[in-house]
Amino acid sequence: MESPFRSEAAAFRFLLITIGAFALIVVASWINTWLGVAVWLLLSAAAAWVYLQERGPEAPPEHVEHVGPPDERRVLVVANETVGGEELVSAISTLALTQTTSFLVICPALNTRLKTWTSDEDLARDAAQRRLDATLARLGSVGIKAHGEVGDGDPLVAIEDAVHTFHPDEIVISTRPAGRSNWLERGIVDSVRVRFDVPVTHVVVDLEGQS
């Protein structure tokens, strides 16, 4: 399901506001029942206003300007655990055969929120770098030149950063199948399709089927 908020950060802010409002209502109710009712009505109205502000109207897709030679296609590949999957490597190989293509592979350093808050991202970045290095080596072994980077832990932020520096003509996002993919549950693929005016290809990688 796609989130009604513009970003995960916006949704998290709304959650914190909701928790804080609930705590204020409880405290006010301990003092006086009617005071609790009044605080509930006031905070409910404020929460509804914040929700509408955070949800906001959908902005038009951002135009991504082509850079580089006119006959070169630039493809941004985004994947985490599925970065070395057979389906993704096959999709990249197909793109490499059809046109002169420059590839940038981004592997977000996914981490728990607690470790992100405490700036403990070294293990997540190291794991992402190892997966990325293995994939780039595999692509190079079959003659596909690509370069890669470890991206932000938030895949939407990682994609936005890469789009603004790489200027892709196409974005390829790899995920696990539906029901086992956190990115699909968060609506990452749909959000990117709405956010940018370039084709977005979704590649499903079944890691369990390859084990």
Foldseek 3Di string as FASTA:
>chain_A
DADLFLDPVLVVVLVVLVVVLVVVLVVLCVVPVVSSVVSVVVSVVVSVVSVDVRSDDQDFADEQDDDDDPQEAEEEEEEAPCLQFPQVLVVLVVVVVPGHYEYEYEYELADDPVCVVVVNRVVSQVNRVVSVVVNQVVCVVVPHHYYYDYAHNRRVRRVVVCCVVPRGQEYEYEAADPPPGPCVVNVVQVSNVRHHDHYYHYTHGHPVVVD
